[in-house]
Amino acid sequence: MNIEGLSQAYSLLSNHASSLLSKSLNIEQASATEPAVEFVPSQSILLNLTEMLGKQPGELITIDDIRSFGTQEMENFQKQFTELLKVNGIDLSIPITLTYKEECGNIIVINDHPDADRIGALLDENDELRNTYTNANNALGLVKTLEEKSLFGEIYRDNPYTAVARHSYQFGSSWKIAMTLFNNEFKLDYQQSHI
């Protein structure tokens, strides 16, 4: 899987998603001089996203496709992460909250777990696990962004002033996930991050 492609696509899509008023992206084969979708300037990014979702160039990619991919990646992460913690003797009865730190590309523990440093080191040593979390974070954050932008578009059609008043927080922001593990149960919280 190409995590860089999903990250770049997420960044581009979340920055331009306010122009999307539909619930799906129609991905078409691009010519050598024209991007496949107007807001994606690099065909290689689009093809990476298409490949990661198990699609062929020209196939429709829906929000549900991206959500399904993100959910599957998060489930894979949760299984692998739980096993890694158990093998390393980390106490799962104390909540562990993780988030993705975009500046350095690391997953960090954001609560006061007594083994936060050990957990961080385990994640830093495991590229595959880190990539799985990042794929899930980017895909599910993209879904949240597209859903919010779509809602904005629906309200904007009826009343632009109301749409801007209610949803101005969306401009210049995207969504990321904070995941909490507590007693083998996972909880996902969406956090808005300003870009």
N, C-alpha and C. Protein backbone atom coordinates (compact mmCIF):
# COMPACT_ATOMS: atom_id res chain seq x y z
N MET A 1 0.83 -1.17 0.00
CA MET A 1 0.00 0.00 0.00
C MET A 1 0.88 1.24 0.00
N ASN A 2 0.44 2.25 -0.69
CA ASN A 2 1.20 3.47 -0.77
C ASN A 2 0.55 4.52 0.12
N ILE A 3 1.08 4.67 1.30
CA ILE A 3 0.51 5.59 2.28
C ILE A 3 0.68 7.03 1.85
N GLU A 4 1.78 7.32 1.17
CA GLU A 4 2.02 8.68 0.70
C GLU A 4 0.94 9.11 -0.28
N GLY A 5 0.53 8.20 -1.14
CA GLY A 5 -0.52 8.51 -2.11
C GLY A 5 -1.83 8.84 -1.43
N LEU A 6 -2.20 8.05 -0.42
CA LEU A 6 -3.45 8.32 0.30
C LEU A 6 -3.34 9.63 1.06
N SER A 7 -2.20 9.89 1.67
CA SER A 7 -2.01 11.14 2.42
C SER A 7 -2.12 12.35 1.50
N GLN A 8 -1.48 12.27 0.34
CA GLN A 8 -1.55 13.38 -0.60
C GLN A 8 -2.96 13.56 -1.14
N ALA A 9 -3.62 12.46 -1.46
CA ALA A 9 -4.99 12.55 -1.95
C ALA A 9 -5.90 13.14 -0.88
N TYR A 10 -5.72 12.71 0.36
CA TYR A 10 -6.52 13.23 1.47
C TYR A 10 -6.33 14.73 1.59
N SER A 11 -5.09 15.17 1.58
CA SER A 11 -4.80 16.58 1.72
C SER A 11 -5.44 17.38 0.59
N LEU A 12 -5.26 16.91 -0.63
CA LEU A 12 -5.84 17.61 -1.77
C LEU A 12 -7.36 17.61 -1.74
N LEU A 13 -7.93 16.45 -1.44
CA LEU A 13 -9.39 16.36 -1.43
C LEU A 13 -10.00 17.16 -0.31
N SER A 14 -9.41 17.13 0.87
CA SER A 14 -10.00 17.87 1.99
C SER A 14 -9.90 19.37 1.76
N ASN A 15 -8.85 19.82 1.10
CA ASN A 15 -8.71 21.25 0.82
C ASN A 15 -9.69 21.71 -0.25
N HIS A 16 -10.11 20.82 -1.12
CA HIS A 16 -10.98 21.20 -2.23
C HIS A 16 -12.36 20.56 -2.15
N ALA A 17 -12.67 19.89 -1.06
CA ALA A 17 -13.92 19.15 -0.98
C ALA A 17 -15.15 20.04 -0.95
N SER A 18 -15.00 21.31 -0.63
CA SER A 18 -16.18 22.17 -0.61
C SER A 18 -16.80 22.30 -1.99
N SER A 19 -16.04 22.00 -3.03
CA SER A 19 -16.60 22.04 -4.38
C SER A 19 -17.35 20.77 -4.73
N LEU A 20 -17.26 19.76 -3.87
CA LEU A 20 -17.96 18.51 -4.13
C LEU A 20 -19.35 18.58 -3.53
N LEU A 21 -20.35 18.43 -4.36
CA LEU A 21 -21.72 18.47 -3.84
C LEU A 21 -22.39 17.12 -3.97
N SER A 22 -21.69 16.15 -4.48
CA SER A 22 -22.28 14.83 -4.61
C SER A 22 -21.63 13.88 -3.62
N LYS A 23 -22.21 12.73 -3.44
CA LYS A 23 -21.70 11.75 -2.49
C LYS A 23 -20.70 10.78 -3.13
N SER A 24 -20.27 11.01 -4.37
CA SER A 24 -19.31 10.11 -4.97
C SER A 24 -18.37 10.88 -5.88
N LEU A 25 -17.23 10.27 -6.16
CA LEU A 25 -16.24 10.83 -7.06
C LEU A 25 -16.21 9.96 -8.30
N ASN A 26 -16.43 10.54 -9.45
CA ASN A 26 -16.37 9.76 -10.67
C ASN A 26 -14.95 9.85 -11.21
N ILE A 27 -14.19 8.79 -11.05
CA ILE A 27 -12.80 8.76 -11.46
C ILE A 27 -12.75 8.27 -12.91
N GLU A 28 -12.21 9.09 -13.77
CA GLU A 28 -12.13 8.73 -15.18
C GLU A 28 -10.67 8.63 -15.60
N GLN A 29 -10.42 7.82 -16.60
CA GLN A 29 -9.06 7.70 -17.13
C GLN A 29 -8.65 9.06 -17.69
N ALA A 30 -7.47 9.52 -17.31
CA ALA A 30 -7.01 10.83 -17.73
C ALA A 30 -6.07 10.71 -18.91
N SER A 31 -6.05 11.78 -19.69
CA SER A 31 -5.05 11.84 -20.76
C SER A 31 -3.73 12.25 -20.13
N ALA A 32 -2.67 12.21 -20.88
CA ALA A 32 -1.35 12.51 -20.34
C ALA A 32 -1.23 13.97 -19.90
N THR A 33 -2.04 14.86 -20.43
CA THR A 33 -1.91 16.28 -20.11
C THR A 33 -3.01 16.79 -19.19
N GLU A 34 -3.96 15.96 -18.84
CA GLU A 34 -5.10 16.43 -18.07
C GLU A 34 -5.30 15.55 -16.84
N PRO A 35 -5.49 16.15 -15.66
CA PRO A 35 -5.72 15.33 -14.48
C PRO A 35 -7.04 14.57 -14.57
N ALA A 36 -7.11 13.44 -13.88
CA ALA A 36 -8.29 12.59 -13.94
C ALA A 36 -9.51 13.24 -13.31
N VAL A 37 -9.33 14.00 -12.25
CA VAL A 37 -10.39 14.73 -11.59
C VAL A 37 -9.88 16.14 -11.42
N GLU A 38 -10.71 17.13 -11.60
CA GLU A 38 -10.23 18.50 -11.68
C GLU A 38 -9.43 18.97 -10.47
N PHE A 39 -9.71 18.45 -9.27
CA PHE A 39 -9.02 18.93 -8.10
C PHE A 39 -7.82 18.09 -7.72
N VAL A 40 -7.46 17.08 -8.51
CA VAL A 40 -6.30 16.25 -8.25
C VAL A 40 -5.27 16.53 -9.34
N PRO A 41 -4.21 17.27 -9.03
CA PRO A 41 -3.26 17.68 -10.06
C PRO A 41 -2.32 16.58 -10.52
N SER A 42 -2.20 15.50 -9.78
CA SER A 42 -1.25 14.46 -10.14
C SER A 42 -1.99 13.15 -10.40
N GLN A 43 -1.84 12.62 -11.61
CA GLN A 43 -2.50 11.36 -11.93
C GLN A 43 -1.93 10.22 -11.08
N SER A 44 -0.66 10.31 -10.69
CA SER A 44 -0.08 9.23 -9.88
C SER A 44 -0.75 9.14 -8.52
N ILE A 45 -1.13 10.29 -7.92
CA ILE A 45 -1.85 10.27 -6.65
C ILE A 45 -3.19 9.58 -6.83
N LEU A 46 -3.89 9.94 -7.88
CA LEU A 46 -5.20 9.34 -8.15
C LEU A 46 -5.09 7.85 -8.37
N LEU A 47 -4.09 7.43 -9.13
CA LEU A 47 -3.93 6.01 -9.40
C LEU A 47 -3.57 5.25 -8.12
N ASN A 48 -2.76 5.87 -7.22
CA ASN A 48 -2.45 5.23 -5.94
C ASN A 48 -3.71 5.03 -5.12
N LEU A 49 -4.56 6.04 -5.06
CA LEU A 49 -5.81 5.94 -4.32
C LEU A 49 -6.71 4.88 -4.95
N THR A 50 -6.80 4.89 -6.25
CA THR A 50 -7.61 3.91 -6.97
C THR A 50 -7.12 2.50 -6.66
N GLU A 51 -5.80 2.29 -6.72
CA GLU A 51 -5.21 0.97 -6.45
C GLU A 51 -5.46 0.54 -5.00
N MET A 52 -5.29 1.46 -4.06
CA MET A 52 -5.47 1.12 -2.65
C MET A 52 -6.91 0.68 -2.37
N LEU A 53 -7.85 1.24 -3.10
CA LEU A 53 -9.25 0.90 -2.89
C LEU A 53 -9.68 -0.31 -3.72
N GLY A 54 -8.74 -0.90 -4.44
CA GLY A 54 -9.05 -2.09 -5.24
C GLY A 54 -9.88 -1.78 -6.46
N LYS A 55 -9.74 -0.59 -7.00
CA LYS A 55 -10.51 -0.16 -8.17
C LYS A 55 -9.59 -0.10 -9.39
N GLN A 56 -10.23 -0.08 -10.53
CA GLN A 56 -9.52 0.11 -11.79
C GLN A 56 -9.72 1.55 -12.24
N PRO A 57 -8.75 2.12 -12.98
CA PRO A 57 -8.95 3.47 -13.51
C PRO A 57 -10.27 3.52 -14.28
N GLY A 58 -11.05 4.54 -14.03
CA GLY A 58 -12.35 4.68 -14.68
C GLY A 58 -13.51 4.19 -13.84
N GLU A 59 -13.23 3.41 -12.79
CA GLU A 59 -14.31 2.93 -11.92
C GLU A 59 -14.72 4.02 -10.94
N LEU A 60 -15.96 3.98 -10.54
CA LEU A 60 -16.50 4.92 -9.58
C LEU A 60 -15.95 4.63 -8.19
N ILE A 61 -15.51 5.68 -7.51
CA ILE A 61 -15.08 5.57 -6.12
C ILE A 61 -16.09 6.36 -5.30
N THR A 62 -16.73 5.68 -4.36
CA THR A 62 -17.73 6.35 -3.54
C THR A 62 -17.18 6.61 -2.14
N ILE A 63 -17.89 7.43 -1.42
CA ILE A 63 -17.53 7.66 -0.02
C ILE A 63 -17.58 6.34 0.74
N ASP A 64 -18.55 5.50 0.41
CA ASP A 64 -18.64 4.20 1.09
C ASP A 64 -17.41 3.34 0.82
N ASP A 65 -16.85 3.42 -0.40
CA ASP A 65 -15.62 2.68 -0.70
C ASP A 65 -14.47 3.15 0.21
N ILE A 66 -14.36 4.46 0.34
CA ILE A 66 -13.28 5.02 1.17
C ILE A 66 -13.53 4.68 2.64
N ARG A 67 -14.79 4.78 3.08
CA ARG A 67 -15.14 4.43 4.47
C ARG A 67 -14.82 2.97 4.75
N SER A 68 -15.19 2.09 3.83
CA SER A 68 -14.95 0.66 4.01
C SER A 68 -13.45 0.38 4.13
N PHE A 69 -12.66 1.00 3.27
CA PHE A 69 -11.21 0.84 3.32
C PHE A 69 -10.67 1.34 4.67
N GLY A 70 -11.09 2.53 5.09
CA GLY A 70 -10.62 3.09 6.36
C GLY A 70 -11.02 2.24 7.55
N THR A 71 -12.25 1.73 7.53
CA THR A 71 -12.74 0.89 8.62
C THR A 71 -11.94 -0.41 8.69
N GLN A 72 -11.68 -1.00 7.54
CA GLN A 72 -10.90 -2.24 7.50
C GLN A 72 -9.47 -2.00 8.00
N GLU A 73 -8.87 -0.91 7.58
CA GLU A 73 -7.52 -0.58 8.05
C GLU A 73 -7.51 -0.35 9.55
N MET A 74 -8.55 0.33 10.08
CA MET A 74 -8.60 0.57 11.52
C MET A 74 -8.78 -0.74 12.28
N GLU A 75 -9.61 -1.63 11.78
CA GLU A 75 -9.78 -2.94 12.43
C GLU A 75 -8.47 -3.72 12.42
N ASN A 76 -7.75 -3.67 11.29
CA ASN A 76 -6.45 -4.35 11.22
C ASN A 76 -5.48 -3.75 12.23
N PHE A 77 -5.46 -2.42 12.31
CA PHE A 77 -4.59 -1.76 13.27
C PHE A 77 -4.94 -2.18 14.70
N GLN A 78 -6.22 -2.16 15.03
CA GLN A 78 -6.65 -2.47 16.39
C GLN A 78 -6.22 -3.88 16.79
N LYS A 79 -6.37 -4.85 15.90
CA LYS A 79 -5.95 -6.22 16.22
C LYS A 79 -4.44 -6.31 16.43
N GLN A 80 -3.69 -5.74 15.50
CA GLN A 80 -2.23 -5.81 15.59
C GLN A 80 -1.70 -5.02 16.79
N PHE A 81 -2.29 -3.88 17.04
CA PHE A 81 -1.86 -3.03 18.15
C PHE A 81 -2.14 -3.70 19.50
N THR A 82 -3.32 -4.27 19.65
CA THR A 82 -3.66 -4.97 20.89
C THR A 82 -2.69 -6.11 21.14
N GLU A 83 -2.40 -6.89 20.11
CA GLU A 83 -1.46 -8.02 20.25
C GLU A 83 -0.07 -7.52 20.62
N LEU A 84 0.37 -6.45 19.98
CA LEU A 84 1.69 -5.88 20.27
C LEU A 84 1.77 -5.43 21.74
N LEU A 85 0.73 -4.82 22.23
CA LEU A 85 0.73 -4.37 23.63
C LEU A 85 0.75 -5.54 24.59
N LYS A 86 -0.05 -6.57 24.30
CA LYS A 86 -0.10 -7.75 25.17
C LYS A 86 1.26 -8.44 25.23
N VAL A 87 1.88 -8.63 24.06
CA VAL A 87 3.18 -9.30 23.98
C VAL A 87 4.24 -8.53 24.77
N ASN A 88 4.09 -7.21 24.82
CA ASN A 88 5.08 -6.37 25.50
C ASN A 88 4.67 -5.99 26.93
N GLY A 89 3.63 -6.64 27.45
CA GLY A 89 3.26 -6.44 28.84
C GLY A 89 2.68 -5.08 29.18
N ILE A 90 2.07 -4.42 28.22
CA ILE A 90 1.45 -3.11 28.47
C ILE A 90 0.06 -3.34 29.08
N ASP A 91 -0.23 -2.62 30.14
CA ASP A 91 -1.49 -2.74 30.86
C ASP A 91 -2.64 -2.16 30.02
N LEU A 92 -3.57 -3.02 29.60
CA LEU A 92 -4.70 -2.59 28.78
C LEU A 92 -5.88 -2.10 29.61
N SER A 93 -5.77 -2.17 30.94
CA SER A 93 -6.86 -1.69 31.78
C SER A 93 -6.75 -0.18 32.02
N ILE A 94 -5.68 0.43 31.55
CA ILE A 94 -5.51 1.88 31.61
C ILE A 94 -5.73 2.42 30.19
N PRO A 95 -6.60 3.41 30.02
CA PRO A 95 -6.87 3.91 28.66
C PRO A 95 -5.60 4.40 27.96
N ILE A 96 -5.54 4.11 26.67
CA ILE A 96 -4.46 4.57 25.81
C ILE A 96 -5.12 5.33 24.67
N THR A 97 -4.81 6.61 24.52
CA THR A 97 -5.38 7.41 23.44
C THR A 97 -4.27 7.81 22.48
N LEU A 98 -4.49 7.49 21.22
CA LEU A 98 -3.51 7.76 20.16
C LEU A 98 -4.08 8.76 19.16
N THR A 99 -3.19 9.49 18.54
CA THR A 99 -3.56 10.31 17.40
C THR A 99 -2.35 10.39 16.47
N TYR A 100 -2.60 10.85 15.27
CA TYR A 100 -1.57 10.98 14.25
C TYR A 100 -1.03 12.40 14.28
N LYS A 101 0.26 12.54 14.41
CA LYS A 101 0.89 13.86 14.41
C LYS A 101 1.45 14.12 13.01
N GLU A 102 0.76 14.96 12.27
CA GLU A 102 1.08 15.18 10.87
C GLU A 102 2.47 15.77 10.66
N GLU A 103 2.90 16.61 11.57
CA GLU A 103 4.19 17.29 11.40
C GLU A 103 5.36 16.31 11.29
N CYS A 104 5.28 15.21 12.02
CA CYS A 104 6.40 14.26 12.02
C CYS A 104 6.00 12.89 11.47
N GLY A 105 4.72 12.68 11.19
CA GLY A 105 4.26 11.41 10.64
C GLY A 105 4.22 10.28 11.65
N ASN A 106 4.19 10.62 12.93
CA ASN A 106 4.18 9.60 13.99
C ASN A 106 2.80 9.49 14.62
N ILE A 107 2.57 8.33 15.20
CA ILE A 107 1.39 8.13 16.04
C ILE A 107 1.87 8.39 17.46
N ILE A 108 1.13 9.21 18.18
CA ILE A 108 1.56 9.56 19.53
C ILE A 108 0.47 9.24 20.55
N VAL A 109 0.91 8.96 21.76
CA VAL A 109 -0.01 8.76 22.89
C VAL A 109 -0.29 10.15 23.44
N ILE A 110 -1.58 10.52 23.53
CA ILE A 110 -1.92 11.88 23.96
C ILE A 110 -2.53 11.94 25.36
N ASN A 111 -2.59 10.81 26.03
CA ASN A 111 -3.06 10.86 27.41
C ASN A 111 -1.92 10.46 28.35
N ASP A 112 -2.20 10.40 29.63
CA ASP A 112 -1.16 10.16 30.64
C ASP A 112 -1.00 8.69 30.98
N HIS A 113 -0.84 7.85 29.98
CA HIS A 113 -0.62 6.43 30.24
C HIS A 113 0.79 6.27 30.80
N PRO A 114 0.97 5.45 31.85
CA PRO A 114 2.31 5.29 32.44
C PRO A 114 3.33 4.68 31.48
N ASP A 115 2.88 3.96 30.46
CA ASP A 115 3.79 3.37 29.49
C ASP A 115 3.78 4.11 28.15
N ALA A 116 3.42 5.39 28.18
CA ALA A 116 3.31 6.17 26.94
C ALA A 116 4.60 6.14 26.12
N ASP A 117 5.74 6.29 26.76
CA ASP A 117 7.02 6.28 26.04
C ASP A 117 7.28 4.93 25.40
N ARG A 118 7.01 3.84 26.13
CA ARG A 118 7.20 2.49 25.58
C ARG A 118 6.26 2.25 24.39
N ILE A 119 5.01 2.68 24.54
CA ILE A 119 4.03 2.50 23.46
C ILE A 119 4.49 3.29 22.23
N GLY A 120 4.93 4.53 22.44
CA GLY A 120 5.44 5.34 21.34
C GLY A 120 6.61 4.68 20.64
N ALA A 121 7.52 4.12 21.42
CA ALA A 121 8.69 3.43 20.85
C ALA A 121 8.26 2.21 20.05
N LEU A 122 7.30 1.44 20.57
CA LEU A 122 6.82 0.26 19.84
C LEU A 122 6.20 0.67 18.50
N LEU A 123 5.44 1.75 18.50
CA LEU A 123 4.83 2.23 17.25
C LEU A 123 5.89 2.75 16.29
N ASP A 124 6.89 3.45 16.82
CA ASP A 124 7.96 3.98 15.97
C ASP A 124 8.76 2.87 15.29
N GLU A 125 8.88 1.73 15.97
CA GLU A 125 9.65 0.61 15.44
C GLU A 125 8.87 -0.22 14.42
N ASN A 126 7.57 -0.01 14.33
CA ASN A 126 6.73 -0.86 13.50
C ASN A 126 6.11 -0.05 12.36
N ASP A 127 6.85 0.04 11.24
CA ASP A 127 6.39 0.82 10.10
C ASP A 127 5.05 0.33 9.55
N GLU A 128 4.88 -0.97 9.47
CA GLU A 128 3.64 -1.53 8.92
C GLU A 128 2.44 -1.12 9.76
N LEU A 129 2.57 -1.21 11.06
CA LEU A 129 1.48 -0.83 11.96
C LEU A 129 1.20 0.67 11.87
N ARG A 130 2.25 1.46 11.83
CA ARG A 130 2.10 2.91 11.69
C ARG A 130 1.42 3.26 10.37
N ASN A 131 1.80 2.59 9.30
CA ASN A 131 1.18 2.84 7.99
C ASN A 131 -0.29 2.45 7.99
N THR A 132 -0.63 1.36 8.66
CA THR A 132 -2.02 0.92 8.73
C THR A 132 -2.86 1.97 9.45
N TYR A 133 -2.35 2.48 10.58
CA TYR A 133 -3.08 3.53 11.31
C TYR A 133 -3.22 4.78 10.45
N THR A 134 -2.15 5.17 9.78
CA THR A 134 -2.18 6.37 8.95
C THR A 134 -3.17 6.22 7.81
N ASN A 135 -3.21 5.05 7.17
CA ASN A 135 -4.21 4.79 6.12
C ASN A 135 -5.62 4.96 6.67
N ALA A 136 -5.87 4.37 7.84
CA ALA A 136 -7.20 4.46 8.45
C ALA A 136 -7.53 5.90 8.80
N ASN A 137 -6.59 6.60 9.42
CA ASN A 137 -6.79 7.99 9.80
C ASN A 137 -7.11 8.86 8.58
N ASN A 138 -6.33 8.71 7.54
CA ASN A 138 -6.53 9.53 6.34
C ASN A 138 -7.85 9.20 5.65
N ALA A 139 -8.16 7.92 5.50
CA ALA A 139 -9.39 7.54 4.82
C ALA A 139 -10.62 7.97 5.61
N LEU A 140 -10.65 7.69 6.90
CA LEU A 140 -11.82 8.04 7.71
C LEU A 140 -11.92 9.56 7.89
N GLY A 141 -10.78 10.23 7.98
CA GLY A 141 -10.79 11.70 8.04
C GLY A 141 -11.31 12.30 6.74
N LEU A 142 -10.93 11.70 5.62
CA LEU A 142 -11.42 12.15 4.32
C LEU A 142 -12.93 11.97 4.22
N VAL A 143 -13.44 10.84 4.67
CA VAL A 143 -14.88 10.59 4.65
C VAL A 143 -15.60 11.65 5.47
N LYS A 144 -15.11 11.92 6.66
CA LYS A 144 -15.73 12.93 7.53
C LYS A 144 -15.71 14.30 6.85
N THR A 145 -14.59 14.64 6.24
CA THR A 145 -14.47 15.92 5.54
C THR A 145 -15.46 16.01 4.39
N LEU A 146 -15.53 14.96 3.57
CA LEU A 146 -16.45 14.96 2.44
C LEU A 146 -17.90 15.03 2.89
N GLU A 147 -18.23 14.33 3.95
CA GLU A 147 -19.61 14.39 4.46
C GLU A 147 -19.96 15.79 4.95
N GLU A 148 -19.03 16.42 5.67
CA GLU A 148 -19.26 17.77 6.16
C GLU A 148 -19.39 18.76 5.00
N LYS A 149 -18.52 18.62 4.00
CA LYS A 149 -18.57 19.52 2.85
C LYS A 149 -19.84 19.30 2.04
N SER A 150 -20.28 18.07 1.95
CA SER A 150 -21.52 17.76 1.24
C SER A 150 -22.71 18.40 1.94
N LEU A 151 -22.74 18.32 3.26
CA LEU A 151 -23.80 18.95 4.04
C LEU A 151 -23.79 20.46 3.82
N PHE A 152 -22.60 21.04 3.83
CA PHE A 152 -22.47 22.47 3.54
C PHE A 152 -23.08 22.79 2.18
N GLY A 153 -22.75 21.97 1.17
CA GLY A 153 -23.26 22.20 -0.18
C GLY A 153 -24.78 22.12 -0.25
N GLU A 154 -25.36 21.17 0.45
CA GLU A 154 -26.83 21.03 0.46
C GLU A 154 -27.48 22.26 1.07
N ILE A 155 -26.94 22.74 2.19
CA ILE A 155 -27.51 23.92 2.84
C ILE A 155 -27.25 25.17 1.99
N TYR A 156 -26.08 25.23 1.37
CA TYR A 156 -25.71 26.39 0.56
C TYR A 156 -26.67 26.58 -0.61
N ARG A 157 -27.13 25.48 -1.20
CA ARG A 157 -28.08 25.59 -2.33
C ARG A 157 -29.35 26.31 -1.91
N ASP A 158 -29.78 26.06 -0.67
CA ASP A 158 -31.01 26.69 -0.18
C ASP A 158 -30.77 28.09 0.37
N ASN A 159 -29.66 28.27 1.10
CA ASN A 159 -29.40 29.56 1.72
C ASN A 159 -27.90 29.70 2.00
N PRO A 160 -27.18 30.39 1.12
CA PRO A 160 -25.73 30.52 1.28
C PRO A 160 -25.32 31.15 2.61
N TYR A 161 -26.07 32.13 3.08
CA TYR A 161 -25.71 32.80 4.33
C TYR A 161 -25.80 31.85 5.52
N THR A 162 -26.85 31.04 5.54
CA THR A 162 -27.00 30.06 6.62
C THR A 162 -25.88 29.04 6.56
N ALA A 163 -25.55 28.59 5.36
CA ALA A 163 -24.49 27.60 5.20
C ALA A 163 -23.17 28.12 5.75
N VAL A 164 -22.82 29.35 5.40
CA VAL A 164 -21.56 29.92 5.86
C VAL A 164 -21.60 30.14 7.37
N ALA A 165 -22.73 30.62 7.88
CA ALA A 165 -22.84 30.85 9.32
C ALA A 165 -22.70 29.56 10.12
N ARG A 166 -23.30 28.48 9.64
CA ARG A 166 -23.28 27.22 10.37
C ARG A 166 -22.01 26.40 10.15
N HIS A 167 -21.38 26.55 8.99
CA HIS A 167 -20.30 25.64 8.63
C HIS A 167 -18.99 26.34 8.27
N SER A 168 -18.80 27.56 8.70
CA SER A 168 -17.55 28.26 8.36
C SER A 168 -16.34 27.59 8.99
N TYR A 169 -16.55 26.82 10.05
CA TYR A 169 -15.45 26.10 10.70
C TYR A 169 -14.75 25.13 9.75
N GLN A 170 -15.42 24.75 8.66
CA GLN A 170 -14.85 23.77 7.73
C GLN A 170 -13.74 24.34 6.87
N PHE A 171 -13.76 25.64 6.64
CA PHE A 171 -12.80 26.22 5.72
C PHE A 171 -11.42 26.21 6.36
N GLY A 172 -10.47 25.63 5.67
CA GLY A 172 -9.11 25.56 6.18
C GLY A 172 -8.91 24.51 7.26
N SER A 173 -9.75 23.49 7.26
CA SER A 173 -9.59 22.45 8.27
C SER A 173 -9.83 21.08 7.66
N SER A 174 -9.38 20.07 8.38
CA SER A 174 -9.64 18.69 7.99
C SER A 174 -9.88 17.91 9.29
N TRP A 175 -10.16 16.63 9.17
CA TRP A 175 -10.47 15.81 10.33
C TRP A 175 -9.42 14.73 10.51
N LYS A 176 -9.09 14.47 11.75
CA LYS A 176 -8.23 13.34 12.08
C LYS A 176 -8.89 12.58 13.22
N ILE A 177 -8.35 11.43 13.52
CA ILE A 177 -8.96 10.55 14.49
C ILE A 177 -8.09 10.45 15.74
N ALA A 178 -8.76 10.45 16.88
CA ALA A 178 -8.10 10.05 18.13
C ALA A 178 -8.74 8.72 18.51
N MET A 179 -7.91 7.72 18.73
CA MET A 179 -8.41 6.39 19.05
C MET A 179 -8.03 6.05 20.49
N THR A 180 -9.02 5.61 21.26
CA THR A 180 -8.76 5.21 22.64
C THR A 180 -8.99 3.72 22.80
N LEU A 181 -8.01 3.04 23.38
CA LEU A 181 -8.11 1.62 23.72
C LEU A 181 -8.24 1.53 25.23
N PHE A 182 -9.28 0.82 25.67
CA PHE A 182 -9.51 0.63 27.11
C PHE A 182 -10.17 -0.72 27.31
N ASN A 183 -9.50 -1.62 28.03
CA ASN A 183 -10.02 -2.97 28.28
C ASN A 183 -10.44 -3.68 26.98
N ASN A 184 -9.57 -3.65 26.01
CA ASN A 184 -9.80 -4.31 24.71
C ASN A 184 -10.96 -3.72 23.91
N GLU A 185 -11.45 -2.56 24.27
CA GLU A 185 -12.49 -1.86 23.52
C GLU A 185 -11.89 -0.61 22.90
N PHE A 186 -12.28 -0.33 21.66
CA PHE A 186 -11.77 0.83 20.97
C PHE A 186 -12.88 1.85 20.77
N LYS A 187 -12.51 3.11 20.89
CA LYS A 187 -13.43 4.22 20.64
C LYS A 187 -12.72 5.21 19.73
N LEU A 188 -13.41 5.65 18.69
CA LEU A 188 -12.84 6.64 17.77
C LEU A 188 -13.52 7.99 17.99
N ASP A 189 -12.72 9.04 18.07
CA ASP A 189 -13.22 10.40 18.16
C ASP A 189 -12.62 11.18 17.01
N TYR A 190 -13.45 11.96 16.34
CA TYR A 190 -12.96 12.82 15.26
C TYR A 190 -12.58 14.17 15.84
N GLN A 191 -11.41 14.65 15.45
CA GLN A 191 -10.92 15.94 15.90
C GLN A 191 -10.64 16.78 14.66
N GLN A 192 -11.08 18.02 14.72
CA GLN A 192 -10.82 18.91 13.59
C GLN A 192 -9.44 19.49 13.73
N SER A 193 -8.67 19.46 12.64
CA SER A 193 -7.35 20.06 12.66
C SER A 193 -7.31 21.15 11.60
N HIS A 194 -6.75 22.27 11.94
CA HIS A 194 -6.70 23.41 11.02
C HIS A 194 -5.42 23.34 10.22
N ILE A 195 -5.57 23.55 8.93
CA ILE A 195 -4.43 23.47 8.03
C ILE A 195 -4.09 24.81 7.46
